[in-house]
Amino acid sequence: METMNDKYAIFLDIDGTLMGGSQAALKKNLDVIQKVRALGHKVLISTGRATAYLPENIDIEKYFDGVVSGAGARVVIGKKEVFLKTMTRENIKAFCEYNLKNGIIGVLEGVENMFFMGIIEEAQGKWININEENISEYMKKDFSIEKFTILGTAPKELESVLKGCVILQHNGYAELLQNGCTKSSGMEIAAKEFGVDMSRCIAMGDSLNDLDMIETAGTGVAMGNAVQEIKDAADMITDDVDNAGVAAALKQIFSLKD
């Protein structure tokens, strides 16, 4: 285990935080992240996305020291997996059968692949469709699923259908997370690997699945476009995602020059 008594570990959400609609802002964020890492600090992704859904337009191994994915279900430092908690086969089966029966668009976000039910426009490449014809065959396979997602509003009934899962409803979609897996738990695991105290962790985010991370970190940073709950919990508020708010916050915290 490394010891970094005088260094920080920074945890960045992806969507709405690191990455928005501006490629110029993303580039600026990545450039400043490299300056921070050059000072000896560690910078990690902390995202609700599972490993198979990490954005392909970002070279994560080049720009980051690790990834907390699936909202805490998996932690990778460099190329080493230090934590993984996957959905149970029982919950996978129940989730698929419930969605197919009720015509719900659902996604199983995995380490290697993305599985889905219904019609999803972006489904390609690593995305595999599960339907009435092939579900019995897929239920025989071993899955490594980090979390579930439902497009639209998740029925409250799912809380009783699935065991040990928490529903986090957002605007337009819902995340179904495993009990005990949170962005803050993933942050704590990664920080311990680096020998960094939680008081020297910095977390930046914009949505409800960032709340526990913002509250737990020594310094919580809300994006200018964050939901109000995140802004209320944060120690500081930076610029919007499309104005490179991550870069602005890092420059302020570490007194970096342009």
C-alpha atoms as a PDB file:
ATOM      1  CA  MET A   1       0.000   0.000   0.000  1.00  0.00           C
ATOM      2  CA  GLU A   2       1.298   3.433  -0.911  1.00  0.00           C
ATOM      3  CA  THR A   3       1.576   6.237   1.611  1.00  0.00           C
ATOM      4  CA  MET A   4       0.640   9.730   0.431  1.00  0.00           C
ATOM      5  CA  ASN A   5       0.425  11.802   3.596  1.00  0.00           C
ATOM      6  CA  ASP A   6       0.826  15.094   1.741  1.00  0.00           C
ATOM      7  CA  LYS A   7      -1.146  14.181  -1.375  1.00  0.00           C
ATOM      8  CA  TYR A   8      -4.795  14.077  -2.382  1.00  0.00           C
ATOM      9  CA  ALA A   9      -7.033  11.579  -4.144  1.00  0.00           C
ATOM     10  CA  ILE A  10      -9.615  13.176  -6.431  1.00  0.00           C
ATOM     11  CA  PHE A  11     -12.768  11.322  -7.528  1.00  0.00           C
ATOM     12  CA  LEU A  12     -14.658  12.591 -10.570  1.00  0.00           C
ATOM     13  CA  ASP A  13     -18.083  11.653 -11.828  1.00  0.00           C
ATOM     14  CA  ILE A  14     -18.315  11.346 -15.627  1.00  0.00           C
ATOM     15  CA  ASP A  15     -21.715  12.418 -16.991  1.00  0.00           C
ATOM     16  CA  GLY A  16     -22.559  16.002 -16.176  1.00  0.00           C
ATOM     17  CA  THR A  17     -19.229  16.470 -14.404  1.00  0.00           C
ATOM     18  CA  LEU A  18     -16.168  15.472 -16.406  1.00  0.00           C
ATOM     19  CA  MET A  19     -18.044  15.118 -19.678  1.00  0.00           C
ATOM     20  CA  GLY A  20     -20.953  17.056 -21.136  1.00  0.00           C
ATOM     21  CA  GLY A  21     -21.700  18.402 -24.584  1.00  0.00           C
ATOM     22  CA  SER A  22     -18.435  20.262 -25.136  1.00  0.00           C
ATOM     23  CA  GLN A  23     -15.339  18.474 -26.421  1.00  0.00           C
ATOM     24  CA  ALA A  24     -13.295  21.601 -25.746  1.00  0.00           C
ATOM     25  CA  ALA A  25     -14.341  21.531 -22.087  1.00  0.00           C
ATOM     26  CA  LEU A  26     -13.482  17.822 -21.820  1.00  0.00           C
ATOM     27  CA  LYS A  27     -10.017  18.465 -23.283  1.00  0.00           C
ATOM     28  CA  LYS A  28      -9.442  21.316 -20.831  1.00  0.00           C
ATOM     29  CA  ASN A  29     -10.488  19.071 -17.941  1.00  0.00           C
ATOM     30  CA  LEU A  30      -8.123  16.309 -19.050  1.00  0.00           C
ATOM     31  CA  ASP A  31      -5.229  18.758 -19.497  1.00  0.00           C
ATOM     32  CA  VAL A  32      -5.635  20.125 -15.972  1.00  0.00           C
ATOM     33  CA  ILE A  33      -6.031  16.604 -14.558  1.00  0.00           C
ATOM     34  CA  GLN A  34      -2.611  15.760 -15.968  1.00  0.00           C
ATOM     35  CA  LYS A  35      -1.123  18.802 -14.228  1.00  0.00           C
ATOM     36  CA  VAL A  36      -2.625  17.659 -10.936  1.00  0.00           C
ATOM     37  CA  ARG A  37      -1.292  14.129 -11.378  1.00  0.00           C
ATOM     38  CA  ALA A  38       2.143  15.548 -12.185  1.00  0.00           C
ATOM     39  CA  LEU A  39       2.120  17.035  -8.668  1.00  0.00           C
ATOM     40  CA  GLY A  40       1.780  13.508  -7.266  1.00  0.00           C
ATOM     41  CA  HIS A  41      -1.956  13.498  -6.580  1.00  0.00           C
ATOM     42  CA  LYS A  42      -4.185  10.617  -7.670  1.00  0.00           C
ATOM     43  CA  VAL A  43      -7.189  11.240  -9.926  1.00  0.00           C
ATOM     44  CA  LEU A  44      -9.857   8.606 -10.431  1.00  0.00           C
ATOM     45  CA  ILE A  45     -13.137   8.223 -12.257  1.00  0.00           C
ATOM     46  CA  SER A  46     -16.102   7.562  -9.975  1.00  0.00           C
ATOM     47  CA  THR A  47     -19.143   6.776 -12.058  1.00  0.00           C
ATOM     48  CA  GLY A  48     -22.506   5.080 -12.015  1.00  0.00           C
ATOM     49  CA  ARG A  49     -21.577   3.558 -15.363  1.00  0.00           C
ATOM     50  CA  ALA A  50     -20.423  -0.038 -15.296  1.00  0.00           C
ATOM     51  CA  THR A  51     -17.063  -0.988 -16.785  1.00  0.00           C
ATOM     52  CA  ALA A  52     -18.525  -2.036 -20.151  1.00  0.00           C
ATOM     53  CA  TYR A  53     -20.231   1.360 -20.439  1.00  0.00           C
ATOM     54  CA  LEU A  54     -17.207   3.575 -19.820  1.00  0.00           C
ATOM     55  CA  PRO A  55     -16.909   6.202 -22.577  1.00  0.00           C
ATOM     56  CA  GLU A  56     -14.754   5.106 -25.473  1.00  0.00           C
ATOM     57  CA  ASN A  57     -13.662   8.665 -26.285  1.00  0.00           C
ATOM     58  CA  ILE A  58     -11.600   8.925 -23.079  1.00  0.00           C
ATOM     59  CA  ASP A  59      -8.332   7.009 -22.670  1.00  0.00           C
ATOM     60  CA  ILE A  60      -8.913   6.195 -19.015  1.00  0.00           C
ATOM     61  CA  GLU A  61      -5.615   4.362 -18.467  1.00  0.00           C
ATOM     62  CA  LYS A  62      -3.757   7.386 -19.848  1.00  0.00           C
ATOM     63  CA  TYR A  63      -5.537  10.112 -17.915  1.00  0.00           C
ATOM     64  CA  PHE A  64      -6.571   8.441 -14.638  1.00  0.00           C
ATOM     65  CA  ASP A  65      -5.105   6.389 -11.810  1.00  0.00           C
ATOM     66  CA  GLY A  66      -8.154   4.204 -11.380  1.00  0.00           C
ATOM     67  CA  VAL A  67     -11.899   3.760 -11.729  1.00  0.00           C
ATOM     68  CA  VAL A  68     -14.791   3.285  -9.323  1.00  0.00           C
ATOM     69  CA  SER A  69     -17.576   1.952 -11.550  1.00  0.00           C
ATOM     70  CA  GLY A  70     -21.136   0.745 -11.131  1.00  0.00           C
ATOM     71  CA  ALA A  71     -21.586   3.303  -8.338  1.00  0.00           C
ATOM     72  CA  GLY A  72     -19.126   1.413  -6.145  1.00  0.00           C
ATOM     73  CA  ALA A  73     -19.623  -2.150  -7.398  1.00  0.00           C
ATOM     74  CA  ARG A  74     -16.110  -2.348  -8.872  1.00  0.00           C
ATOM     75  CA  VAL A  75     -12.825  -0.617  -8.027  1.00  0.00           C
ATOM     76  CA  VAL A  76      -9.799  -0.814 -10.307  1.00  0.00           C
ATOM     77  CA  ILE A  77      -6.466   0.831  -9.495  1.00  0.00           C
ATOM     78  CA  GLY A  78      -4.291   1.025 -12.588  1.00  0.00           C
ATOM     79  CA  LYS A  79      -4.940  -2.370 -14.157  1.00  0.00           C
ATOM     80  CA  LYS A  80      -5.554  -4.162 -10.847  1.00  0.00           C
ATOM     81  CA  GLU A  81      -9.075  -5.011  -9.727  1.00  0.00           C
ATOM     82  CA  VAL A  82      -9.172  -4.467  -5.969  1.00  0.00           C
ATOM     83  CA  PHE A  83     -12.922  -4.882  -5.398  1.00  0.00           C
ATOM     84  CA  LEU A  84     -15.885  -6.418  -7.217  1.00  0.00           C
ATOM     85  CA  LYS A  85     -19.410  -7.143  -6.032  1.00  0.00           C
ATOM     86  CA  THR A  86     -21.761  -8.393  -8.724  1.00  0.00           C
ATOM     87  CA  MET A  87     -25.514  -8.847  -8.824  1.00  0.00           C
ATOM     88  CA  THR A  88     -26.724 -12.265  -7.710  1.00  0.00           C
ATOM     89  CA  ARG A  89     -27.988 -14.743 -10.287  1.00  0.00           C
ATOM     90  CA  GLU A  90     -31.346 -14.651  -8.457  1.00  0.00           C
ATOM     91  CA  ASN A  91     -31.681 -10.887  -8.911  1.00  0.00           C
ATOM     92  CA  ILE A  92     -30.539 -11.037 -12.535  1.00  0.00           C
ATOM     93  CA  LYS A  93     -33.228 -13.600 -13.322  1.00  0.00           C
ATOM     94  CA  ALA A  94     -35.910 -11.683 -11.411  1.00  0.00           C
ATOM     95  CA  PHE A  95     -34.973  -8.373 -13.061  1.00  0.00           C
ATOM     96  CA  CYS A  96     -35.062  -9.816 -16.585  1.00  0.00           C
ATOM     97  CA  GLU A  97     -38.302 -11.730 -16.106  1.00  0.00           C
ATOM     98  CA  TYR A  98     -40.060  -8.773 -14.473  1.00  0.00           C
ATOM     99  CA  ASN A  99     -39.038  -6.368 -17.249  1.00  0.00           C
ATOM    100  CA  LEU A 100     -40.005  -8.717 -20.069  1.00  0.00           C
ATOM    101  CA  LYS A 101     -43.362  -9.462 -18.447  1.00  0.00           C
ATOM    102  CA  ASN A 102     -44.165  -5.776 -17.941  1.00  0.00           C
ATOM    103  CA  GLY A 103     -42.636  -4.342 -21.121  1.00  0.00           C
ATOM    104  CA  ILE A 104     -40.047  -2.303 -19.236  1.00  0.00           C
ATOM    105  CA  ILE A 105     -36.841  -1.102 -20.899  1.00  0.00           C
ATOM    106  CA  GLY A 106     -34.121  -2.410 -18.626  1.00  0.00           C
ATOM    107  CA  VAL A 107     -30.339  -2.606 -18.786  1.00  0.00           C
ATOM    108  CA  LEU A 108     -27.895  -4.917 -17.042  1.00  0.00           C
ATOM    109  CA  GLU A 109     -24.561  -3.102 -16.899  1.00  0.00           C
ATOM    110  CA  GLY A 110     -21.656  -5.508 -16.734  1.00  0.00           C
ATOM    111  CA  VAL A 111     -17.901  -5.739 -16.544  1.00  0.00           C
ATOM    112  CA  GLU A 112     -17.609  -7.089 -20.083  1.00  0.00           C
ATOM    113  CA  ASN A 113     -20.993  -6.512 -21.732  1.00  0.00           C
ATOM    114  CA  MET A 114     -24.236  -4.570 -21.604  1.00  0.00           C
ATOM    115  CA  PHE A 115     -27.491  -6.549 -21.713  1.00  0.00           C
ATOM    116  CA  PHE A 116     -30.852  -4.934 -22.411  1.00  0.00           C
ATOM    117  CA  MET A 117     -34.563  -5.558 -22.814  1.00  0.00           C
ATOM    118  CA  GLY A 118     -36.755  -3.466 -25.066  1.00  0.00           C
ATOM    119  CA  ILE A 119     -35.583  -0.936 -27.656  1.00  0.00           C
ATOM    120  CA  ILE A 120     -32.545   1.243 -26.957  1.00  0.00           C
ATOM    121  CA  GLU A 121     -31.142   3.362 -29.789  1.00  0.00           C
ATOM    122  CA  GLU A 122     -27.537   3.337 -28.555  1.00  0.00           C
ATOM    123  CA  ALA A 123     -27.484  -0.458 -28.134  1.00  0.00           C
ATOM    124  CA  GLN A 124     -24.607  -1.705 -30.258  1.00  0.00           C
ATOM    125  CA  GLY A 125     -21.191  -3.322 -29.921  1.00  0.00           C
ATOM    126  CA  LYS A 126     -21.063  -4.688 -26.372  1.00  0.00           C
ATOM    127  CA  TRP A 127     -24.861  -4.441 -26.051  1.00  0.00           C
ATOM    128  CA  ILE A 128     -26.707  -7.794 -26.112  1.00  0.00           C
ATOM    129  CA  ASN A 129     -30.496  -8.082 -26.339  1.00  0.00           C
ATOM    130  CA  ILE A 130     -32.350 -10.383 -23.948  1.00  0.00           C
ATOM    131  CA  ASN A 131     -35.851 -11.351 -25.088  1.00  0.00           C
ATOM    132  CA  GLU A 132     -38.520 -14.006 -24.563  1.00  0.00           C
ATOM    133  CA  GLU A 133     -36.833 -16.313 -27.057  1.00  0.00           C
ATOM    134  CA  ASN A 134     -33.327 -16.335 -25.580  1.00  0.00           C
ATOM    135  CA  ILE A 135     -33.831 -15.555 -21.872  1.00  0.00           C
ATOM    136  CA  SER A 136     -33.760 -19.200 -20.783  1.00  0.00           C
ATOM    137  CA  GLU A 137     -30.403 -19.673 -22.511  1.00  0.00           C
ATOM    138  CA  TYR A 138     -28.880 -16.511 -21.053  1.00  0.00           C
ATOM    139  CA  MET A 139     -30.047 -17.361 -17.537  1.00  0.00           C
ATOM    140  CA  LYS A 140     -27.738 -20.398 -17.662  1.00  0.00           C
ATOM    141  CA  LYS A 141     -24.687 -18.195 -18.195  1.00  0.00           C
ATOM    142  CA  ASP A 142     -22.459 -16.531 -15.629  1.00  0.00           C
ATOM    143  CA  PHE A 143     -22.957 -12.766 -15.595  1.00  0.00           C
ATOM    144  CA  SER A 144     -20.720 -10.139 -14.053  1.00  0.00           C
ATOM    145  CA  ILE A 145     -23.310  -7.396 -13.622  1.00  0.00           C
ATOM    146  CA  GLU A 146     -22.398  -4.312 -11.626  1.00  0.00           C
ATOM    147  CA  LYS A 147     -25.820  -2.638 -11.600  1.00  0.00           C
ATOM    148  CA  PHE A 148     -29.230  -2.414 -13.247  1.00  0.00           C
ATOM    149  CA  THR A 149     -30.779   0.571 -14.993  1.00  0.00           C
ATOM    150  CA  ILE A 150     -34.374   1.230 -16.021  1.00  0.00           C
ATOM    151  CA  LEU A 151     -35.317   3.834 -18.608  1.00  0.00           C
ATOM    152  CA  GLY A 152     -38.196   5.860 -17.255  1.00  0.00           C
ATOM    153  CA  THR A 153     -39.616   5.430 -13.765  1.00  0.00           C
ATOM    154  CA  ALA A 154     -38.809   2.271 -11.822  1.00  0.00           C
ATOM    155  CA  PRO A 155     -41.926   0.605 -10.370  1.00  0.00           C
ATOM    156  CA  LYS A 156     -41.876   0.593  -6.554  1.00  0.00           C
ATOM    157  CA  GLU A 157     -42.788  -3.080  -6.753  1.00  0.00           C
ATOM    158  CA  LEU A 158     -39.217  -3.815  -7.846  1.00  0.00           C
ATOM    159  CA  GLU A 159     -38.002  -3.143  -4.314  1.00  0.00           C
ATOM    160  CA  SER A 160     -39.756  -6.334  -3.223  1.00  0.00           C
ATOM    161  CA  VAL A 161     -38.951  -8.276  -6.404  1.00  0.00           C
ATOM    162  CA  LEU A 162     -35.206  -7.739  -6.022  1.00  0.00           C
ATOM    163  CA  LYS A 163     -33.322  -8.608  -2.848  1.00  0.00           C
ATOM    164  CA  GLY A 164     -30.662  -6.314  -1.439  1.00  0.00           C
ATOM    165  CA  CYS A 165     -31.039  -3.560  -4.010  1.00  0.00           C
ATOM    166  CA  VAL A 166     -31.717   0.147  -3.689  1.00  0.00           C
ATOM    167  CA  ILE A 167     -33.634   2.160  -6.299  1.00  0.00           C
ATOM    168  CA  LEU A 168     -32.243   5.604  -7.068  1.00  0.00           C
ATOM    169  CA  GLN A 169     -34.713   7.479  -9.276  1.00  0.00           C
ATOM    170  CA  HIS A 170     -33.378  10.229 -11.530  1.00  0.00           C
ATOM    171  CA  ASN A 171     -35.090  12.388 -14.120  1.00  0.00           C
ATOM    172  CA  GLY A 172     -35.863   9.956 -16.950  1.00  0.00           C
ATOM    173  CA  TYR A 173     -34.137   6.851 -15.607  1.00  0.00           C
ATOM    174  CA  ALA A 174     -33.505   4.861 -12.443  1.00  0.00           C
ATOM    175  CA  GLU A 175     -30.433   3.085 -11.111  1.00  0.00           C
ATOM    176  CA  LEU A 176     -30.807  -0.116  -9.121  1.00  0.00           C
ATOM    177  CA  LEU A 177     -27.744  -0.423  -6.912  1.00  0.00           C
ATOM    178  CA  GLN A 178     -26.546  -3.184  -4.618  1.00  0.00           C
ATOM    179  CA  ASN A 179     -26.846  -2.580  -0.896  1.00  0.00           C
ATOM    180  CA  GLY A 180     -23.442  -1.600   0.453  1.00  0.00           C
ATOM    181  CA  CYS A 181     -22.150  -0.441  -2.920  1.00  0.00           C
ATOM    182  CA  THR A 182     -21.955   3.321  -3.163  1.00  0.00           C
ATOM    183  CA  LYS A 183     -19.603   5.830  -4.648  1.00  0.00           C
ATOM    184  CA  SER A 184     -18.413   6.642  -1.127  1.00  0.00           C
ATOM    185  CA  SER A 185     -17.658   2.988  -0.359  1.00  0.00           C
ATOM    186  CA  GLY A 186     -15.670   2.753  -3.586  1.00  0.00           C
ATOM    187  CA  MET A 187     -13.858   5.966  -2.716  1.00  0.00           C
ATOM    188  CA  GLU A 188     -12.932   4.578   0.700  1.00  0.00           C
ATOM    189  CA  ILE A 189     -11.544   1.375  -0.840  1.00  0.00           C
ATOM    190  CA  ALA A 190      -9.445   3.305  -3.357  1.00  0.00           C
ATOM    191  CA  ALA A 191      -8.235   5.811  -0.773  1.00  0.00           C
ATOM    192  CA  LYS A 192      -7.087   2.972   1.481  1.00  0.00           C
ATOM    193  CA  GLU A 193      -5.142   1.460  -1.418  1.00  0.00           C
ATOM    194  CA  PHE A 194      -3.333   4.771  -1.883  1.00  0.00           C
ATOM    195  CA  GLY A 195      -2.845   5.394   1.828  1.00  0.00           C
ATOM    196  CA  VAL A 196      -4.871   8.597   1.635  1.00  0.00           C
ATOM    197  CA  ASP A 197      -7.045   9.732   4.533  1.00  0.00           C
ATOM    198  CA  MET A 198     -10.650  10.553   3.701  1.00  0.00           C
ATOM    199  CA  SER A 199     -10.019  14.126   4.798  1.00  0.00           C
ATOM    200  CA  ARG A 200      -7.665  14.399   1.823  1.00  0.00           C
ATOM    201  CA  CYS A 201     -10.176  13.079  -0.695  1.00  0.00           C
ATOM    202  CA  ILE A 202     -11.883  15.440  -3.135  1.00  0.00           C
ATOM    203  CA  ALA A 203     -15.127  14.411  -4.836  1.00  0.00           C
ATOM    204  CA  MET A 204     -16.902  16.186  -7.687  1.00  0.00           C
ATOM    205  CA  GLY A 205     -20.366  15.427  -9.009  1.00  0.00           C
ATOM    206  CA  ASP A 206     -23.713  16.682 -10.210  1.00  0.00           C
ATOM    207  CA  SER A 207     -26.444  14.083  -9.567  1.00  0.00           C
ATOM    208  CA  LEU A 208     -28.039  12.173  -6.695  1.00  0.00           C
ATOM    209  CA  ASN A 209     -25.751   9.159  -6.995  1.00  0.00           C
ATOM    210  CA  ASP A 210     -22.871  11.522  -6.143  1.00  0.00           C
ATOM    211  CA  LEU A 211     -24.420  12.697  -2.871  1.00  0.00           C
ATOM    212  CA  ASP A 212     -22.824  10.182  -0.497  1.00  0.00           C
ATOM    213  CA  MET A 213     -19.438  10.734  -2.149  1.00  0.00           C
ATOM    214  CA  ILE A 214     -19.749  14.517  -1.836  1.00  0.00           C
ATOM    215  CA  GLU A 215     -20.732  14.193   1.825  1.00  0.00           C
ATOM    216  CA  THR A 216     -17.986  11.694   2.704  1.00  0.00           C
ATOM    217  CA  ALA A 217     -15.015  13.347   1.004  1.00  0.00           C
ATOM    218  CA  GLY A 218     -12.949  15.908   2.851  1.00  0.00           C
ATOM    219  CA  THR A 219     -13.821  18.359   0.083  1.00  0.00           C
ATOM    220  CA  GLY A 220     -17.045  17.987  -1.846  1.00  0.00           C
ATOM    221  CA  VAL A 221     -17.405  19.946  -5.078  1.00  0.00           C
ATOM    222  CA  ALA A 222     -20.728  20.500  -6.825  1.00  0.00           C
ATOM    223  CA  MET A 223     -20.896  21.296 -10.506  1.00  0.00           C
ATOM    224  CA  GLY A 224     -22.683  24.489 -11.491  1.00  0.00           C
ATOM    225  CA  ASN A 225     -25.230  22.273 -13.248  1.00  0.00           C
ATOM    226  CA  ALA A 226     -25.675  19.981 -10.216  1.00  0.00           C
ATOM    227  CA  VAL A 227     -29.043  19.221  -8.655  1.00  0.00           C
ATOM    228  CA  GLN A 228     -29.809  21.326  -5.598  1.00  0.00           C
ATOM    229  CA  GLU A 229     -29.205  18.466  -3.133  1.00  0.00           C
ATOM    230  CA  ILE A 230     -25.591  18.225  -4.330  1.00  0.00           C
ATOM    231  CA  LYS A 231     -25.058  21.977  -4.109  1.00  0.00           C
ATOM    232  CA  ASP A 232     -26.457  22.031  -0.584  1.00  0.00           C
ATOM    233  CA  ALA A 233     -24.086  19.257   0.535  1.00  0.00           C
ATOM    234  CA  ALA A 234     -20.937  20.539  -1.194  1.00  0.00           C
ATOM    235  CA  ASP A 235     -18.104  22.580   0.265  1.00  0.00           C
ATOM    236  CA  MET A 236     -17.739  24.533  -2.949  1.00  0.00           C
ATOM    237  CA  ILE A 237     -19.577  25.014  -6.247  1.00  0.00           C
ATOM    238  CA  THR A 238     -17.642  25.205  -9.508  1.00  0.00           C
ATOM    239  CA  ASP A 239     -18.617  26.116 -13.064  1.00  0.00           C
ATOM    240  CA  ASP A 240     -20.939  24.112 -15.338  1.00  0.00           C
ATOM    241  CA  VAL A 241     -19.744  20.963 -17.087  1.00  0.00           C
ATOM    242  CA  ASP A 242     -19.657  22.641 -20.505  1.00  0.00           C
ATOM    243  CA  ASN A 243     -17.504  25.434 -19.052  1.00  0.00           C
ATOM    244  CA  ALA A 244     -14.921  22.908 -17.787  1.00  0.00           C
ATOM    245  CA  GLY A 245     -16.022  23.104 -14.168  1.00  0.00           C
ATOM    246  CA  VAL A 246     -13.688  20.255 -13.172  1.00  0.00           C
ATOM    247  CA  ALA A 247     -10.675  22.163 -14.497  1.00  0.00           C
ATOM    248  CA  ALA A 248     -11.820  25.351 -12.782  1.00  0.00           C
ATOM    249  CA  ALA A 249     -12.175  23.609  -9.411  1.00  0.00           C
ATOM    250  CA  LEU A 250      -8.821  21.832  -9.647  1.00  0.00           C
ATOM    251  CA  LYS A 251      -7.058  25.058 -10.608  1.00  0.00           C
ATOM    252  CA  GLN A 252      -8.605  26.815  -7.624  1.00  0.00           C
ATOM    253  CA  ILE A 253      -7.878  24.035  -5.124  1.00  0.00           C
ATOM    254  CA  PHE A 254      -4.275  23.477  -6.237  1.00  0.00           C
ATOM    255  CA  SER A 255      -3.498  27.101  -7.214  1.00  0.00           C
ATOM    256  CA  LEU A 256      -2.652  26.151 -10.780  1.00  0.00           C
ATOM    257  CA  LYS A 257      -1.798  28.717 -13.439  1.00  0.00           C
ATOM    258  CA  ASP A 258      -3.029  28.630 -17.021  1.00  0.00           C
END
